[in-house]
């Protein structure tokens, strides 16, 4: 089995060997993400990068703009549209069957 290096190990290496202040970077990311999260968006541009937020957590930064479909799904509670469907139990099955019988 080949040796793997975890993200945690890389983070600690950068912090302790190269002297990068990880908490400062975390605070900067928080300051970038707070206004985007406040308006309820799941994606937002930060200079040349896009910040991705999921479940109230900044999960990544990417150089590629998210596709419109993924933006709509993320910003509308997983639905690809602007409205929510009625629950199934509210559907009137008798009316549905009656309409079909008349066709």
PDB file of N, CA and C in Angstrom:
ATOM      1  N   UNK A   1       0.856  -1.174   0.000  1.00  0.00           N
ATOM      2  CA  UNK A   1       0.000   0.000   0.000  1.00  0.00           C
ATOM      3  C   UNK A   1       0.905   1.241   0.000  1.00  0.00           C
ATOM      4  N   UNK A   2       0.642   2.190  -0.921  1.00  0.00           N
ATOM      5  CA  UNK A   2       1.471   3.398  -0.975  1.00  0.00           C
ATOM      6  C   UNK A   2       1.186   4.339   0.195  1.00  0.00           C
ATOM      7  N   UNK A   3       2.177   5.097   0.550  1.00  0.00           N
ATOM      8  CA  UNK A   3       2.049   6.065   1.644  1.00  0.00           C
ATOM      9  C   UNK A   3       1.214   7.250   1.199  1.00  0.00           C
ATOM     10  N   UNK A   4       0.287   7.684   2.045  1.00  0.00           N
ATOM     11  CA  UNK A   4      -0.539   8.855   1.779  1.00  0.00           C
ATOM     12  C   UNK A   4      -0.218   9.926   2.811  1.00  0.00           C
ATOM     13  N   UNK A   5      -0.416  11.178   2.426  1.00  0.00           N
ATOM     14  CA  UNK A   5      -0.230  12.310   3.339  1.00  0.00           C
ATOM     15  C   UNK A   5      -1.583  12.986   3.497  1.00  0.00           C
ATOM     16  N   UNK A   6      -2.077  13.060   4.714  1.00  0.00           N
ATOM     17  CA  UNK A   6      -3.400  13.634   4.968  1.00  0.00           C
ATOM     18  C   UNK A   6      -3.376  15.155   4.845  1.00  0.00           C
ATOM     19  N   UNK A   7      -4.560  15.729   4.631  1.00  0.00           N
ATOM     20  CA  UNK A   7      -4.688  17.186   4.581  1.00  0.00           C
ATOM     21  C   UNK A   7      -4.300  17.810   5.925  1.00  0.00           C
ATOM     22  N   UNK A   8      -4.624  17.122   7.000  1.00  0.00           N
ATOM     23  CA  UNK A   8      -4.275  17.622   8.334  1.00  0.00           C
ATOM     24  C   UNK A   8      -2.754  17.729   8.479  1.00  0.00           C
ATOM     25  N   UNK A   9      -2.043  16.715   7.987  1.00  0.00           N
ATOM     26  CA  UNK A   9      -0.582  16.746   8.067  1.00  0.00           C
ATOM     27  C   UNK A   9      -0.012  17.889   7.232  1.00  0.00           C
ATOM     28  N   UNK A  10      -0.571  18.118   6.055  1.00  0.00           N
ATOM     29  CA  UNK A  10      -0.111  19.220   5.203  1.00  0.00           C
ATOM     30  C   UNK A  10      -0.357  20.554   5.902  1.00  0.00           C
ATOM     31  N   UNK A  11      -1.549  20.694   6.495  1.00  0.00           N
ATOM     32  CA  UNK A  11      -1.886  21.922   7.197  1.00  0.00           C
ATOM     33  C   UNK A  11      -0.911  22.180   8.350  1.00  0.00           C
ATOM     34  N   UNK A  12      -0.635  21.157   9.146  1.00  0.00           N
ATOM     35  CA  UNK A  12       0.292  21.331  10.269  1.00  0.00           C
ATOM     36  C   UNK A  12       1.711  21.604   9.780  1.00  0.00           C
ATOM     37  N   UNK A  13       2.115  20.992   8.675  1.00  0.00           N
ATOM     38  CA  UNK A  13       3.435  21.239   8.089  1.00  0.00           C
ATOM     39  C   UNK A  13       3.569  22.703   7.687  1.00  0.00           C
ATOM     40  N   UNK A  14       2.540  23.216   6.993  1.00  0.00           N
ATOM     41  CA  UNK A  14       2.580  24.622   6.573  1.00  0.00           C
ATOM     42  C   UNK A  14       2.596  25.551   7.779  1.00  0.00           C
ATOM     43  N   UNK A  15       1.839  25.174   8.794  1.00  0.00           N
ATOM     44  CA  UNK A  15       1.749  26.011   9.992  1.00  0.00           C
ATOM     45  C   UNK A  15       3.055  26.003  10.789  1.00  0.00           C
ATOM     46  N   UNK A  16       3.620  24.841  11.008  1.00  0.00           N
ATOM     47  CA  UNK A  16       4.752  24.729  11.928  1.00  0.00           C
ATOM     48  C   UNK A  16       6.114  24.839  11.252  1.00  0.00           C
ATOM     49  N   UNK A  17       6.244  24.374  10.016  1.00  0.00           N
ATOM     50  CA  UNK A  17       7.536  24.401   9.348  1.00  0.00           C
ATOM     51  C   UNK A  17       7.736  25.691   8.562  1.00  0.00           C
ATOM     52  N   UNK A  18       6.668  26.172   7.937  1.00  0.00           N
ATOM     53  CA  UNK A  18       6.773  27.391   7.128  1.00  0.00           C
ATOM     54  C   UNK A  18       6.251  28.633   7.851  1.00  0.00           C
ATOM     55  N   UNK A  19       5.705  28.453   9.047  1.00  0.00           N
ATOM     56  CA  UNK A  19       5.280  29.592   9.847  1.00  0.00           C
ATOM     57  C   UNK A  19       4.018  30.286   9.350  1.00  0.00           C
ATOM     58  N   UNK A  20       3.170  29.591   8.621  1.00  0.00           N
ATOM     59  CA  UNK A  20       1.915  30.179   8.130  1.00  0.00           C
ATOM     60  C   UNK A  20       0.911  30.205   9.274  1.00  0.00           C
ATOM     61  N   UNK A  21       0.299  31.346   9.494  1.00  0.00           N
ATOM     62  CA  UNK A  21      -0.679  31.513  10.565  1.00  0.00           C
ATOM     63  C   UNK A  21      -2.043  31.021  10.071  1.00  0.00           C
ATOM     64  N   UNK A  22      -2.400  29.806  10.447  1.00  0.00           N
ATOM     65  CA  UNK A  22      -3.626  29.176   9.975  1.00  0.00           C
ATOM     66  C   UNK A  22      -4.864  29.883  10.542  1.00  0.00           C
ATOM     67  N   UNK A  23      -4.815  30.305  11.795  1.00  0.00           N
ATOM     68  CA  UNK A  23      -5.965  30.991  12.391  1.00  0.00           C
ATOM     69  C   UNK A  23      -6.232  32.329  11.690  1.00  0.00           C
ATOM     70  N   UNK A  24      -5.182  33.010  11.293  1.00  0.00           N
ATOM     71  CA  UNK A  24      -5.351  34.262  10.548  1.00  0.00           C
ATOM     72  C   UNK A  24      -6.031  33.983   9.200  1.00  0.00           C
ATOM     73  N   UNK A  25      -5.608  32.924   8.528  1.00  0.00           N
ATOM     74  CA  UNK A  25      -6.222  32.540   7.256  1.00  0.00           C
ATOM     75  C   UNK A  25      -7.688  32.165   7.467  1.00  0.00           C
ATOM     76  N   UNK A  26      -7.984  31.453   8.553  1.00  0.00           N
ATOM     77  CA  UNK A  26      -9.368  31.072   8.863  1.00  0.00           C
ATOM     78  C   UNK A  26     -10.223  32.320   9.084  1.00  0.00           C
ATOM     79  N   UNK A  27      -9.701  33.292   9.811  1.00  0.00           N
ATOM     80  CA  UNK A  27     -10.444  34.535  10.050  1.00  0.00           C
ATOM     81  C   UNK A  27     -10.659  35.325   8.768  1.00  0.00           C
ATOM     82  N   UNK A  28      -9.662  35.351   7.878  1.00  0.00           N
ATOM     83  CA  UNK A  28      -9.822  36.035   6.594  1.00  0.00           C
ATOM     84  C   UNK A  28     -10.912  35.371   5.763  1.00  0.00           C
ATOM     85  N   UNK A  29     -10.899  34.032   5.725  1.00  0.00           N
ATOM     86  CA  UNK A  29     -11.945  33.317   4.991  1.00  0.00           C
ATOM     87  C   UNK A  29     -13.319  33.589   5.589  1.00  0.00           C
ATOM     88  N   UNK A  30     -13.389  33.629   6.912  1.00  0.00           N
ATOM     89  CA  UNK A  30     -14.660  33.929   7.574  1.00  0.00           C
ATOM     90  C   UNK A  30     -15.156  35.318   7.157  1.00  0.00           C
ATOM     91  N   UNK A  31     -14.265  36.298   7.147  1.00  0.00           N
ATOM     92  CA  UNK A  31     -14.661  37.658   6.766  1.00  0.00           C
ATOM     93  C   UNK A  31     -15.115  37.740   5.315  1.00  0.00           C
ATOM     94  N   UNK A  32     -14.528  36.943   4.433  1.00  0.00           N
ATOM     95  CA  UNK A  32     -14.989  36.889   3.041  1.00  0.00           C
ATOM     96  C   UNK A  32     -16.355  36.208   2.944  1.00  0.00           C
ATOM     97  N   UNK A  33     -16.533  35.131   3.708  1.00  0.00           N
ATOM     98  CA  UNK A  33     -17.735  34.304   3.589  1.00  0.00           C
ATOM     99  C   UNK A  33     -18.951  34.870   4.310  1.00  0.00           C
ATOM    100  N   UNK A  34     -18.756  35.640   5.362  1.00  0.00           N
ATOM    101  CA  UNK A  34     -19.876  36.121   6.172  1.00  0.00           C
ATOM    102  C   UNK A  34     -20.927  36.881   5.364  1.00  0.00           C
ATOM    103  N   UNK A  35     -20.565  37.846   4.497  1.00  0.00           N
ATOM    104  CA  UNK A  35     -21.600  38.539   3.732  1.00  0.00           C
ATOM    105  C   UNK A  35     -22.315  37.628   2.731  1.00  0.00           C
ATOM    106  N   UNK A  36     -21.596  36.676   2.164  1.00  0.00           N
ATOM    107  CA  UNK A  36     -22.216  35.739   1.213  1.00  0.00           C
ATOM    108  C   UNK A  36     -23.210  34.855   1.946  1.00  0.00           C
ATOM    109  N   UNK A  37     -22.819  34.359   3.112  1.00  0.00           N
ATOM    110  CA  UNK A  37     -23.698  33.510   3.916  1.00  0.00           C
ATOM    111  C   UNK A  37     -24.891  34.295   4.450  1.00  0.00           C
ATOM    112  N   UNK A  38     -24.691  35.561   4.769  1.00  0.00           N
ATOM    113  CA  UNK A  38     -25.767  36.382   5.342  1.00  0.00           C
ATOM    114  C   UNK A  38     -26.941  36.544   4.378  1.00  0.00           C
ATOM    115  N   UNK A  39     -26.673  36.559   3.081  1.00  0.00           N
ATOM    116  CA  UNK A  39     -27.768  36.693   2.103  1.00  0.00           C
ATOM    117  C   UNK A  39     -28.315  35.335   1.684  1.00  0.00           C
ATOM    118  N   UNK A  40     -27.764  34.255   2.235  1.00  0.00           N
ATOM    119  CA  UNK A  40     -28.278  32.923   1.963  1.00  0.00           C
ATOM    120  C   UNK A  40     -27.729  32.276   0.703  1.00  0.00           C
ATOM    121  N   UNK A  41     -26.664  32.836   0.132  1.00  0.00           N
ATOM    122  CA  UNK A  41     -26.094  32.260  -1.083  1.00  0.00           C
ATOM    123  C   UNK A  41     -25.177  31.093  -0.732  1.00  0.00           C
ATOM    124  N   UNK A  42     -25.055  30.172  -1.664  1.00  0.00           N
ATOM    125  CA  UNK A  42     -24.179  29.022  -1.461  1.00  0.00           C
ATOM    126  C   UNK A  42     -22.843  29.200  -2.163  1.00  0.00           C
ATOM    127  N   UNK A  43     -22.743  30.195  -3.046  1.00  0.00           N
ATOM    128  CA  UNK A  43     -21.515  30.459  -3.792  1.00  0.00           C
ATOM    129  C   UNK A  43     -21.319  31.961  -3.860  1.00  0.00           C
ATOM    130  N   UNK A  44     -20.063  32.369  -3.921  1.00  0.00           N
ATOM    131  CA  UNK A  44     -19.797  33.790  -4.081  1.00  0.00           C
ATOM    132  C   UNK A  44     -18.393  34.033  -4.566  1.00  0.00           C
ATOM    133  N   UNK A  45     -18.221  35.066  -5.408  1.00  0.00           N
ATOM    134  CA  UNK A  45     -16.888  35.350  -5.920  1.00  0.00           C
ATOM    135  C   UNK A  45     -16.035  36.096  -4.889  1.00  0.00           C
ATOM    136  N   UNK A  46     -14.774  35.690  -4.821  1.00  0.00           N
ATOM    137  CA  UNK A  46     -13.779  36.362  -3.990  1.00  0.00           C
ATOM    138  C   UNK A  46     -12.589  36.601  -4.915  1.00  0.00           C
ATOM    139  N   UNK A  47     -12.542  37.762  -5.526  1.00  0.00           N
ATOM    140  CA  UNK A  47     -11.485  38.032  -6.496  1.00  0.00           C
ATOM    141  C   UNK A  47     -11.610  37.095  -7.683  1.00  0.00           C
ATOM    142  N   UNK A  48     -10.589  36.292  -7.931  1.00  0.00           N
ATOM    143  CA  UNK A  48     -10.584  35.347  -9.055  1.00  0.00           C
ATOM    144  C   UNK A  48     -11.111  33.968  -8.648  1.00  0.00           C
ATOM    145  N   UNK A  49     -11.429  33.777  -7.368  1.00  0.00           N
ATOM    146  CA  UNK A  49     -11.883  32.479  -6.875  1.00  0.00           C
ATOM    147  C   UNK A  49     -13.358  32.512  -6.506  1.00  0.00           C
ATOM    148  N   UNK A  50     -13.951  31.337  -6.400  1.00  0.00           N
ATOM    149  CA  UNK A  50     -15.336  31.199  -5.950  1.00  0.00           C
ATOM    150  C   UNK A  50     -15.344  30.460  -4.628  1.00  0.00           C
ATOM    151  N   UNK A  51     -16.043  31.022  -3.653  1.00  0.00           N
ATOM    152  CA  UNK A  51     -16.192  30.443  -2.329  1.00  0.00           C
ATOM    153  C   UNK A  51     -17.443  29.570  -2.341  1.00  0.00           C
ATOM    154  N   UNK A  52     -17.361  28.356  -1.841  1.00  0.00           N
ATOM    155  CA  UNK A  52     -18.488  27.424  -1.822  1.00  0.00           C
ATOM    156  C   UNK A  52     -18.866  27.160  -0.373  1.00  0.00           C
ATOM    157  N   UNK A  53     -20.154  27.377  -0.048  1.00  0.00           N
ATOM    158  CA  UNK A  53     -20.667  27.173   1.311  1.00  0.00           C
ATOM    159  C   UNK A  53     -21.729  26.083   1.260  1.00  0.00           C
ATOM    160  N   UNK A  54     -21.643  25.135   2.184  1.00  0.00           N
ATOM    161  CA  UNK A  54     -22.632  24.065   2.274  1.00  0.00           C
ATOM    162  C   UNK A  54     -22.883  23.768   3.742  1.00  0.00           C
ATOM    163  N   UNK A  55     -24.145  23.717   4.127  1.00  0.00           N
ATOM    164  CA  UNK A  55     -24.528  23.434   5.521  1.00  0.00           C
ATOM    165  C   UNK A  55     -23.817  24.357   6.510  1.00  0.00           C
ATOM    166  N   UNK A  56     -23.829  25.643   6.211  1.00  0.00           N
ATOM    167  CA  UNK A  56     -23.245  26.668   7.077  1.00  0.00           C
ATOM    168  C   UNK A  56     -21.738  26.491   7.291  1.00  0.00           C
ATOM    169  N   UNK A  57     -21.049  25.873   6.336  1.00  0.00           N
ATOM    170  CA  UNK A  57     -19.609  25.658   6.423  1.00  0.00           C
ATOM    171  C   UNK A  57     -18.969  25.998   5.087  1.00  0.00           C
ATOM    172  N   UNK A  58     -17.879  26.742   5.121  1.00  0.00           N
ATOM    173  CA  UNK A  58     -17.110  26.978   3.903  1.00  0.00           C
ATOM    174  C   UNK A  58     -16.392  25.674   3.598  1.00  0.00           C
ATOM    175  N   UNK A  59     -16.724  25.065   2.447  1.00  0.00           N
ATOM    176  CA  UNK A  59     -16.143  23.757   2.148  1.00  0.00           C
ATOM    177  C   UNK A  59     -14.972  23.831   1.179  1.00  0.00           C
ATOM    178  N   UNK A  60     -14.924  24.849   0.308  1.00  0.00           N
ATOM    179  CA  UNK A  60     -13.808  24.954  -0.622  1.00  0.00           C
ATOM    180  C   UNK A  60     -13.778  26.306  -1.301  1.00  0.00           C
ATOM    181  N   UNK A  61     -12.680  26.543  -1.988  1.00  0.00           N
ATOM    182  CA  UNK A  61     -12.542  27.697  -2.875  1.00  0.00           C
ATOM    183  C   UNK A  61     -12.074  27.122  -4.204  1.00  0.00           C
ATOM    184  N   UNK A  62     -12.696  27.553  -5.293  1.00  0.00           N
ATOM    185  CA  UNK A  62     -12.375  27.011  -6.596  1.00  0.00           C
ATOM    186  C   UNK A  62     -12.166  28.128  -7.611  1.00  0.00           C
ATOM    187  N   UNK A  63     -11.295  27.920  -8.594  1.00  0.00           N
ATOM    188  CA  UNK A  63     -11.111  28.947  -9.619  1.00  0.00           C
ATOM    189  C   UNK A  63     -12.228  28.943 -10.656  1.00  0.00           C
ATOM    190  N   UNK A  64     -13.035  27.884 -10.670  1.00  0.00           N
ATOM    191  CA  UNK A  64     -14.101  27.763 -11.663  1.00  0.00           C
ATOM    192  C   UNK A  64     -15.428  28.261 -11.110  1.00  0.00           C
ATOM    193  N   UNK A  65     -16.128  29.032 -11.927  1.00  0.00           N
ATOM    194  CA  UNK A  65     -17.455  29.499 -11.517  1.00  0.00           C
ATOM    195  C   UNK A  65     -18.414  28.309 -11.505  1.00  0.00           C
ATOM    196  N   UNK A  66     -19.201  28.152 -10.424  1.00  0.00           N
ATOM    197  CA  UNK A  66     -20.151  27.038 -10.379  1.00  0.00           C
ATOM    198  C   UNK A  66     -21.169  27.158 -11.507  1.00  0.00           C
ATOM    199  N   UNK A  67     -21.619  26.015 -12.011  1.00  0.00           N
ATOM    200  CA  UNK A  67     -22.629  26.005 -13.066  1.00  0.00           C
ATOM    201  C   UNK A  67     -23.945  26.522 -12.499  1.00  0.00           C
ATOM    202  N   UNK A  68     -24.753  27.130 -13.363  1.00  0.00           N
ATOM    203  CA  UNK A  68     -26.024  27.699 -12.930  1.00  0.00           C
ATOM    204  C   UNK A  68     -26.905  26.649 -12.267  1.00  0.00           C
ATOM    205  N   UNK A  69     -26.918  25.439 -12.796  1.00  0.00           N
ATOM    206  CA  UNK A  69     -27.752  24.388 -12.235  1.00  0.00           C
ATOM    207  C   UNK A  69     -27.369  24.092 -10.782  1.00  0.00           C
ATOM    208  N   UNK A  70     -26.079  24.038 -10.482  1.00  0.00           N
ATOM    209  CA  UNK A  70     -25.662  23.756  -9.109  1.00  0.00           C
ATOM    210  C   UNK A  70     -25.963  24.935  -8.196  1.00  0.00           C
ATOM    211  N   UNK A  71     -25.906  26.153  -8.724  1.00  0.00           N
ATOM    212  CA  UNK A  71     -26.243  27.323  -7.919  1.00  0.00           C
ATOM    213  C   UNK A  71     -27.720  27.281  -7.552  1.00  0.00           C
ATOM    214  N   UNK A  72     -28.580  26.973  -8.519  1.00  0.00           N
ATOM    215  CA  UNK A  72     -30.013  26.914  -8.249  1.00  0.00           C
ATOM    216  C   UNK A  72     -30.336  25.813  -7.257  1.00  0.00           C
ATOM    217  N   UNK A  73     -29.725  24.648  -7.419  1.00  0.00           N
ATOM    218  CA  UNK A  73     -29.984  23.548  -6.490  1.00  0.00           C
ATOM    219  C   UNK A  73     -29.548  23.916  -5.080  1.00  0.00           C
ATOM    220  N   UNK A  74     -28.384  24.540  -4.959  1.00  0.00           N
ATOM    221  CA  UNK A  74     -27.867  24.876  -3.637  1.00  0.00           C
ATOM    222  C   UNK A  74     -28.666  25.995  -2.983  1.00  0.00           C
ATOM    223  N   UNK A  75     -29.141  26.963  -3.776  1.00  0.00           N
ATOM    224  CA  UNK A  75     -29.822  28.109  -3.204  1.00  0.00           C
ATOM    225  C   UNK A  75     -31.317  27.899  -3.004  1.00  0.00           C
ATOM    226  N   UNK A  76     -31.872  26.796  -3.500  1.00  0.00           N
ATOM    227  CA  UNK A  76     -33.311  26.551  -3.364  1.00  0.00           C
ATOM    228  C   UNK A  76     -33.597  25.239  -2.657  1.00  0.00           C
ATOM    229  N   UNK A  77     -32.877  24.983  -1.614  1.00  0.00           N
ATOM    230  CA  UNK A  77     -33.088  23.799  -0.778  1.00  0.00           C
ATOM    231  C   UNK A  77     -33.087  22.508  -1.578  1.00  0.00           C
ATOM    232  N   UNK A  78     -32.220  22.403  -2.546  1.00  0.00           N
ATOM    233  CA  UNK A  78     -32.104  21.174  -3.315  1.00  0.00           C
ATOM    234  C   UNK A  78     -33.093  21.048  -4.454  1.00  0.00           C
ATOM    235  N   UNK A  79     -34.002  22.015  -4.610  1.00  0.00           N
ATOM    236  CA  UNK A  79     -34.956  21.972  -5.718  1.00  0.00           C
ATOM    237  C   UNK A  79     -34.436  22.837  -6.851  1.00  0.00           C
ATOM    238  N   UNK A  80     -34.559  22.360  -8.059  1.00  0.00           N
ATOM    239  CA  UNK A  80     -34.103  23.125  -9.203  1.00  0.00           C
ATOM    240  C   UNK A  80     -35.265  23.964  -9.727  1.00  0.00           C
ATOM    241  N   UNK A  81     -35.627  24.981  -9.006  1.00  0.00           N
ATOM    242  CA  UNK A  81     -36.736  25.848  -9.373  1.00  0.00           C
ATOM    243  C   UNK A  81     -36.961  26.875  -8.287  1.00  0.00           C
ATOM    244  N   UNK A  82     -38.002  27.661  -8.437  1.00  0.00           N
ATOM    245  CA  UNK A  82     -38.231  28.737  -7.475  1.00  0.00           C
ATOM    246  C   UNK A  82     -39.380  28.442  -6.525  1.00  0.00           C
ATOM    247  N   UNK A  83     -40.038  27.307  -6.653  1.00  0.00           N
ATOM    248  CA  UNK A  83     -41.151  26.989  -5.767  1.00  0.00           C
ATOM    249  C   UNK A  83     -40.954  25.611  -5.171  1.00  0.00           C
ATOM    250  N   UNK A  84     -41.656  25.364  -4.086  1.00  0.00           N
ATOM    251  CA  UNK A  84     -41.603  24.045  -3.466  1.00  0.00           C
ATOM    252  C   UNK A  84     -42.905  23.311  -3.783  1.00  0.00           C
ATOM    253  N   UNK A  85     -42.788  22.033  -3.999  1.00  0.00           N
ATOM    254  CA  UNK A  85     -43.967  21.222  -4.315  1.00  0.00           C
ATOM    255  C   UNK A  85     -44.769  20.951  -3.046  1.00  0.00           C
ATOM    256  N   UNK A  86     -46.074  20.763  -3.239  1.00  0.00           N
ATOM    257  CA  UNK A  86     -46.934  20.423  -2.108  1.00  0.00           C
ATOM    258  C   UNK A  86     -46.611  18.999  -1.657  1.00  0.00           C
ATOM    259  N   UNK A  87     -46.732  18.732  -0.373  1.00  0.00           N
ATOM    260  CA  UNK A  87     -46.491  17.359   0.096  1.00  0.00           C
ATOM    261  C   UNK A  87     -47.468  16.386  -0.542  1.00  0.00           C
ATOM    262  N   UNK A  88     -47.081  15.145  -0.685  1.00  0.00           N
ATOM    263  CA  UNK A  88     -47.919  14.141  -1.343  1.00  0.00           C
ATOM    264  C   UNK A  88     -49.262  13.952  -0.642  1.00  0.00           C
ATOM    265  N   UNK A  89     -49.298  14.024   0.672  1.00  0.00           N
ATOM    266  CA  UNK A  89     -50.552  13.767   1.381  1.00  0.00           C
ATOM    267  C   UNK A  89     -51.612  14.837   1.095  1.00  0.00           C
ATOM    268  N   UNK A  90     -51.217  16.003   0.609  1.00  0.00           N
ATOM    269  CA  UNK A  90     -52.177  17.047   0.266  1.00  0.00           C
ATOM    270  C   UNK A  90     -52.753  16.867  -1.137  1.00  0.00           C
ATOM    271  N   UNK A  91     -52.248  15.921  -1.899  1.00  0.00           N
ATOM    272  CA  UNK A  91     -52.702  15.724  -3.265  1.00  0.00           C
ATOM    273  C   UNK A  91     -54.047  15.004  -3.254  1.00  0.00           C
ATOM    274  N   UNK A  92     -55.012  15.479  -4.018  1.00  0.00           N
ATOM    275  CA  UNK A  92     -56.343  14.890  -4.054  1.00  0.00           C
ATOM    276  C   UNK A  92     -56.373  13.791  -5.115  1.00  0.00           C
ATOM    277  N   UNK A  93     -56.209  12.546  -4.679  1.00  0.00           N
ATOM    278  CA  UNK A  93     -56.141  11.429  -5.617  1.00  0.00           C
ATOM    279  C   UNK A  93     -57.478  11.177  -6.294  1.00  0.00           C
ATOM    280  N   UNK A  94     -58.591  11.434  -5.622  1.00  0.00           N
ATOM    281  CA  UNK A  94     -59.907  11.245  -6.253  1.00  0.00           C
ATOM    282  C   UNK A  94     -60.074  12.164  -7.452  1.00  0.00           C
ATOM    283  N   UNK A  95     -59.695  13.422  -7.292  1.00  0.00           N
ATOM    284  CA  UNK A  95     -59.812  14.378  -8.380  1.00  0.00           C
ATOM    285  C   UNK A  95     -58.922  13.957  -9.546  1.00  0.00           C
ATOM    286  N   UNK A  96     -57.757  13.465  -9.239  1.00  0.00           N
ATOM    287  CA  UNK A  96     -56.847  13.017 -10.293  1.00  0.00           C
ATOM    288  C   UNK A  96     -57.473  11.865 -11.074  1.00  0.00           C
ATOM    289  N   UNK A  97     -58.044  10.891 -10.372  1.00  0.00           N
ATOM    290  CA  UNK A  97     -58.668   9.752 -11.043  1.00  0.00           C
ATOM    291  C   UNK A  97     -59.896  10.181 -11.833  1.00  0.00           C
ATOM    292  N   UNK A  98     -60.659  11.126 -11.324  1.00  0.00           N
ATOM    293  CA  UNK A  98     -61.861  11.590 -12.006  1.00  0.00           C
ATOM    294  C   UNK A  98     -61.475  12.260 -13.322  1.00  0.00           C
ATOM    295  N   UNK A  99     -60.448  13.093 -13.290  1.00  0.00           N
ATOM    296  CA  UNK A  99     -60.015  13.764 -14.507  1.00  0.00           C
ATOM    297  C   UNK A  99     -59.541  12.755 -15.539  1.00  0.00           C
ATOM    298  N   UNK A 100     -58.863  11.736 -15.120  1.00  0.00           N
ATOM    299  CA  UNK A 100     -58.386  10.727 -16.061  1.00  0.00           C
ATOM    300  C   UNK A 100     -59.544   9.925 -16.649  1.00  0.00           C
ATOM    301  N   UNK A 101     -60.587   9.689 -15.851  1.00  0.00           N
ATOM    302  CA  UNK A 101     -61.722   8.915 -16.340  1.00  0.00           C
ATOM    303  C   UNK A 101     -62.470   9.669 -17.438  1.00  0.00           C
ATOM    304  N   UNK A 102     -62.441  10.990 -17.436  1.00  0.00           N
ATOM    305  CA  UNK A 102     -63.171  11.771 -18.431  1.00  0.00           C
ATOM    306  C   UNK A 102     -62.434  11.881 -19.756  1.00  0.00           C
ATOM    307  N   UNK A 103     -61.217  11.487 -19.826  1.00  0.00           N
ATOM    308  CA  UNK A 103     -60.445  11.651 -21.060  1.00  0.00           C
ATOM    309  C   UNK A 103     -60.866  10.679 -22.121  1.00  0.00           C
TER     310      UNK A 103
END
